Amino acid sequence: MSAISNQSRFFDLLDFLLLMEDRGWLKQDSINLIKEAYFYTHGETKEEEDS
């Protein structure tokens, strides 16, 4: 349950970061770095997320 909660918090944060990027307050490269760091620290890859 904790992993689900942490993942949910991550996606809430990601939504916030995407909003900031949409308004021009954050660059897409910064969001990509945050996503890569999350997937790396949680032992997941983008390919696994897509399936």
PDB file of N, CA and C in Angstrom:
ATOM      1  N   MET A   1       0.833  -1.201   0.000  1.00  0.00           N
ATOM      2  CA  MET A   1       0.000   0.000   0.000  1.00  0.00           C
ATOM      3  C   MET A   1       0.874   1.260   0.000  1.00  0.00           C
ATOM      4  N   SER A   2       1.979   1.192   0.696  1.00  0.00           N
ATOM      5  CA  SER A   2       2.867   2.341   0.754  1.00  0.00           C
ATOM      6  C   SER A   2       3.431   2.680  -0.623  1.00  0.00           C
ATOM      7  N   ALA A   3       3.777   1.646  -1.398  1.00  0.00           N
ATOM      8  CA  ALA A   3       4.315   1.892  -2.739  1.00  0.00           C
ATOM      9  C   ALA A   3       3.275   2.583  -3.618  1.00  0.00           C
ATOM     10  N   ILE A   4       2.029   2.169  -3.500  1.00  0.00           N
ATOM     11  CA  ILE A   4       0.959   2.794  -4.280  1.00  0.00           C
ATOM     12  C   ILE A   4       0.798   4.252  -3.856  1.00  0.00           C
ATOM     13  N   SER A   5       0.842   4.497  -2.560  1.00  0.00           N
ATOM     14  CA  SER A   5       0.717   5.855  -2.049  1.00  0.00           C
ATOM     15  C   SER A   5       1.867   6.732  -2.545  1.00  0.00           C
ATOM     16  N   ASN A   6       3.086   6.194  -2.502  1.00  0.00           N
ATOM     17  CA  ASN A   6       4.240   6.960  -2.973  1.00  0.00           C
ATOM     18  C   ASN A   6       4.145   7.233  -4.464  1.00  0.00           C
ATOM     19  N   GLN A   7       3.683   6.240  -5.227  1.00  0.00           N
ATOM     20  CA  GLN A   7       3.548   6.426  -6.669  1.00  0.00           C
ATOM     21  C   GLN A   7       2.482   7.485  -6.957  1.00  0.00           C
ATOM     22  N   SER A   8       1.397   7.452  -6.210  1.00  0.00           N
ATOM     23  CA  SER A   8       0.340   8.443  -6.384  1.00  0.00           C
ATOM     24  C   SER A   8       0.863   9.849  -6.091  1.00  0.00           C
ATOM     25  N   ARG A   9       1.648   9.980  -5.044  1.00  0.00           N
ATOM     26  CA  ARG A   9       2.233  11.283  -4.712  1.00  0.00           C
ATOM     27  C   ARG A   9       3.161  11.759  -5.816  1.00  0.00           C
ATOM     28  N   PHE A  10       3.930  10.815  -6.385  1.00  0.00           N
ATOM     29  CA  PHE A  10       4.828  11.179  -7.477  1.00  0.00           C
ATOM     30  C   PHE A  10       4.035  11.728  -8.657  1.00  0.00           C
ATOM     31  N   PHE A  11       2.944  11.054  -9.019  1.00  0.00           N
ATOM     32  CA  PHE A  11       2.175  11.510 -10.172  1.00  0.00           C
ATOM     33  C   PHE A  11       1.446  12.815  -9.871  1.00  0.00           C
ATOM     34  N   ASP A  12       1.058  13.047  -8.612  1.00  0.00           N
ATOM     35  CA  ASP A  12       0.509  14.356  -8.234  1.00  0.00           C
ATOM     36  C   ASP A  12       1.568  15.437  -8.429  1.00  0.00           C
ATOM     37  N   LEU A  13       2.791  15.141  -8.003  1.00  0.00           N
ATOM     38  CA  LEU A  13       3.896  16.081  -8.180  1.00  0.00           C
ATOM     39  C   LEU A  13       4.169  16.305  -9.660  1.00  0.00           C
ATOM     40  N   LEU A  14       4.145  15.226 -10.429  1.00  0.00           N
ATOM     41  CA  LEU A  14       4.387  15.342 -11.865  1.00  0.00           C
ATOM     42  C   LEU A  14       3.325  16.220 -12.523  1.00  0.00           C
ATOM     43  N   ASP A  15       2.069  16.059 -12.137  1.00  0.00           N
ATOM     44  CA  ASP A  15       1.003  16.922 -12.668  1.00  0.00           C
ATOM     45  C   ASP A  15       1.286  18.391 -12.361  1.00  0.00           C
ATOM     46  N   PHE A  16       1.739  18.664 -11.141  1.00  0.00           N
ATOM     47  CA  PHE A  16       2.073  20.027 -10.742  1.00  0.00           C
ATOM     48  C   PHE A  16       3.233  20.569 -11.581  1.00  0.00           C
ATOM     49  N   LEU A  17       4.258  19.732 -11.779  1.00  0.00           N
ATOM     50  CA  LEU A  17       5.405  20.163 -12.572  1.00  0.00           C
ATOM     51  C   LEU A  17       5.008  20.427 -14.021  1.00  0.00           C
ATOM     52  N   LEU A  18       4.125  19.589 -14.560  1.00  0.00           N
ATOM     53  CA  LEU A  18       3.656  19.806 -15.930  1.00  0.00           C
ATOM     54  C   LEU A  18       2.866  21.108 -16.042  1.00  0.00           C
ATOM     55  N   LEU A  19       2.091  21.439 -15.025  1.00  0.00           N
ATOM     56  CA  LEU A  19       1.376  22.711 -15.004  1.00  0.00           C
ATOM     57  C   LEU A  19       2.368  23.873 -14.994  1.00  0.00           C
ATOM     58  N   MET A  20       3.406  23.753 -14.168  1.00  0.00           N
ATOM     59  CA  MET A  20       4.430  24.798 -14.125  1.00  0.00           C
ATOM     60  C   MET A  20       5.108  24.948 -15.484  1.00  0.00           C
ATOM     61  N   GLU A  21       5.390  23.816 -16.139  1.00  0.00           N
ATOM     62  CA  GLU A  21       6.029  23.847 -17.456  1.00  0.00           C
ATOM     63  C   GLU A  21       5.105  24.498 -18.477  1.00  0.00           C
ATOM     64  N   ASP A  22       3.814  24.188 -18.396  1.00  0.00           N
ATOM     65  CA  ASP A  22       2.830  24.756 -19.313  1.00  0.00           C
ATOM     66  C   ASP A  22       2.768  26.275 -19.187  1.00  0.00           C
ATOM     67  N   ARG A  23       2.955  26.768 -17.987  1.00  0.00           N
ATOM     68  CA  ARG A  23       2.912  28.219 -17.750  1.00  0.00           C
ATOM     69  C   ARG A  23       4.258  28.894 -17.999  1.00  0.00           C
ATOM     70  N   GLY A  24       5.266  28.091 -18.365  1.00  0.00           N
ATOM     71  CA  GLY A  24       6.569  28.656 -18.673  1.00  0.00           C
ATOM     72  C   GLY A  24       7.464  28.844 -17.463  1.00  0.00           C
ATOM     73  N   TRP A  25       7.113  28.251 -16.330  1.00  0.00           N
ATOM     74  CA  TRP A  25       7.898  28.411 -15.107  1.00  0.00           C
ATOM     75  C   TRP A  25       8.954  27.324 -14.931  1.00  0.00           C
ATOM     76  N   LEU A  26       8.880  26.302 -15.763  1.00  0.00           N
ATOM     77  CA  LEU A  26       9.797  25.176 -15.627  1.00  0.00           C
ATOM     78  C   LEU A  26      10.060  24.617 -17.014  1.00  0.00           C
ATOM     79  N   LYS A  27      11.278  24.224 -17.255  1.00  0.00           N
ATOM     80  CA  LYS A  27      11.626  23.669 -18.564  1.00  0.00           C
ATOM     81  C   LYS A  27      11.355  22.164 -18.599  1.00  0.00           C
ATOM     82  N   GLN A  28      10.997  21.658 -19.775  1.00  0.00           N
ATOM     83  CA  GLN A  28      10.698  20.232 -19.952  1.00  0.00           C
ATOM     84  C   GLN A  28      11.887  19.363 -19.543  1.00  0.00           C
ATOM     85  N   ASP A  29      13.108  19.834 -19.784  1.00  0.00           N
ATOM     86  CA  ASP A  29      14.292  19.059 -19.407  1.00  0.00           C
ATOM     87  C   ASP A  29      14.311  18.772 -17.912  1.00  0.00           C
ATOM     88  N   SER A  30      13.880  19.727 -17.105  1.00  0.00           N
ATOM     89  CA  SER A  30      13.839  19.525 -15.656  1.00  0.00           C
ATOM     90  C   SER A  30      12.848  18.436 -15.286  1.00  0.00           C
ATOM     91  N   ILE A  31      11.698  18.424 -15.939  1.00  0.00           N
ATOM     92  CA  ILE A  31      10.689  17.402 -15.677  1.00  0.00           C
ATOM     93  C   ILE A  31      11.227  16.032 -16.073  1.00  0.00           C
ATOM     94  N   ASN A  32      11.887  15.948 -17.218  1.00  0.00           N
ATOM     95  CA  ASN A  32      12.447  14.673 -17.662  1.00  0.00           C
ATOM     96  C   ASN A  32      13.481  14.151 -16.676  1.00  0.00           C
ATOM     97  N   LEU A  33      14.314  15.028 -16.123  1.00  0.00           N
ATOM     98  CA  LEU A  33      15.303  14.600 -15.134  1.00  0.00           C
ATOM     99  C   LEU A  33      14.637  14.055 -13.881  1.00  0.00           C
ATOM    100  N   ILE A  34      13.573  14.702 -13.437  1.00  0.00           N
ATOM    101  CA  ILE A  34      12.850  14.243 -12.249  1.00  0.00           C
ATOM    102  C   ILE A  34      12.223  12.884 -12.505  1.00  0.00           C
ATOM    103  N   LYS A  35      11.615  12.696 -13.679  1.00  0.00           N
ATOM    104  CA  LYS A  35      11.013  11.401 -14.020  1.00  0.00           C
ATOM    105  C   LYS A  35      12.075  10.313 -14.082  1.00  0.00           C
ATOM    106  N   GLU A  36      13.207  10.591 -14.719  1.00  0.00           N
ATOM    107  CA  GLU A  36      14.281   9.602 -14.815  1.00  0.00           C
ATOM    108  C   GLU A  36      14.791   9.230 -13.426  1.00  0.00           C
ATOM    109  N   ALA A  37      14.944  10.218 -12.554  1.00  0.00           N
ATOM    110  CA  ALA A  37      15.411   9.942 -11.195  1.00  0.00           C
ATOM    111  C   ALA A  37      14.418   9.066 -10.448  1.00  0.00           C
ATOM    112  N   TYR A  38      13.135   9.325 -10.605  1.00  0.00           N
ATOM    113  CA  TYR A  38      12.111   8.514  -9.941  1.00  0.00           C
ATOM    114  C   TYR A  38      12.181   7.071 -10.419  1.00  0.00           C
ATOM    115  N   PHE A  39      12.180   6.881 -11.736  1.00  0.00           N
ATOM    116  CA  PHE A  39      12.179   5.526 -12.275  1.00  0.00           C
ATOM    117  C   PHE A  39      13.467   4.793 -11.911  1.00  0.00           C
ATOM    118  N   TYR A  40      14.590   5.503 -11.879  1.00  0.00           N
ATOM    119  CA  TYR A  40      15.863   4.882 -11.520  1.00  0.00           C
ATOM    120  C   TYR A  40      15.857   4.442 -10.060  1.00  0.00           C
ATOM    121  N   THR A  41      15.382   5.294  -9.168  1.00  0.00           N
ATOM    122  CA  THR A  41      15.406   4.962  -7.744  1.00  0.00           C
ATOM    123  C   THR A  41      14.371   3.917  -7.372  1.00  0.00           C
ATOM    124  N   HIS A  42      13.337   3.750  -8.193  1.00  0.00           N
ATOM    125  CA  HIS A  42      12.309   2.756  -7.895  1.00  0.00           C
ATOM    126  C   HIS A  42      12.460   1.493  -8.735  1.00  0.00           C
ATOM    127  N   GLY A  43      13.586   1.381  -9.445  1.00  0.00           N
ATOM    128  CA  GLY A  43      13.875   0.172 -10.202  1.00  0.00           C
ATOM    129  C   GLY A  43      12.919  -0.077 -11.349  1.00  0.00           C
ATOM    130  N   GLU A  44      12.358   0.973 -11.887  1.00  0.00           N
ATOM    131  CA  GLU A  44      11.417   0.853 -12.994  1.00  0.00           C
ATOM    132  C   GLU A  44      12.008   1.539 -14.215  1.00  0.00           C
ATOM    133  N   THR A  45      11.512   1.150 -15.368  1.00  0.00           N
ATOM    134  CA  THR A  45      11.912   1.816 -16.602  1.00  0.00           C
ATOM    135  C   THR A  45      10.668   2.336 -17.293  1.00  0.00           C
ATOM    136  N   LYS A  46      10.860   3.205 -18.237  1.00  0.00           N
ATOM    137  CA  LYS A  46       9.717   3.740 -18.975  1.00  0.00           C
ATOM    138  C   LYS A  46       8.975   2.628 -19.704  1.00  0.00           C
ATOM    139  N   GLU A  47       9.716   1.655 -20.230  1.00  0.00           N
ATOM    140  CA  GLU A  47       9.086   0.563 -20.959  1.00  0.00           C
ATOM    141  C   GLU A  47       8.142  -0.225 -20.056  1.00  0.00           C
ATOM    142  N   GLU A  48       8.558  -0.450 -18.809  1.00  0.00           N
ATOM    143  CA  GLU A  48       7.702  -1.170 -17.869  1.00  0.00           C
ATOM    144  C   GLU A  48       6.463  -0.359 -17.539  1.00  0.00           C
ATOM    145  N   GLU A  49       6.604   0.959 -17.463  1.00  0.00           N
ATOM    146  CA  GLU A  49       5.472   1.820 -17.148  1.00  0.00           C
ATOM    147  C   GLU A  49       4.451   1.815 -18.278  1.00  0.00           C
ATOM    148  N   ASP A  50       4.928   1.725 -19.516  1.00  0.00           N
ATOM    149  CA  ASP A  50       4.029   1.766 -20.667  1.00  0.00           C
ATOM    150  C   ASP A  50       3.214   0.496 -20.824  1.00  0.00           C
ATOM    151  N   SER A  51       3.720  -0.622 -20.315  1.00  0.00           N
ATOM    152  CA  SER A  51       3.012  -1.896 -20.498  1.00  0.00           C
ATOM    153  C   SER A  51       1.966  -2.135 -19.440  1.00  0.00           C
TER     154      SER A  51
END
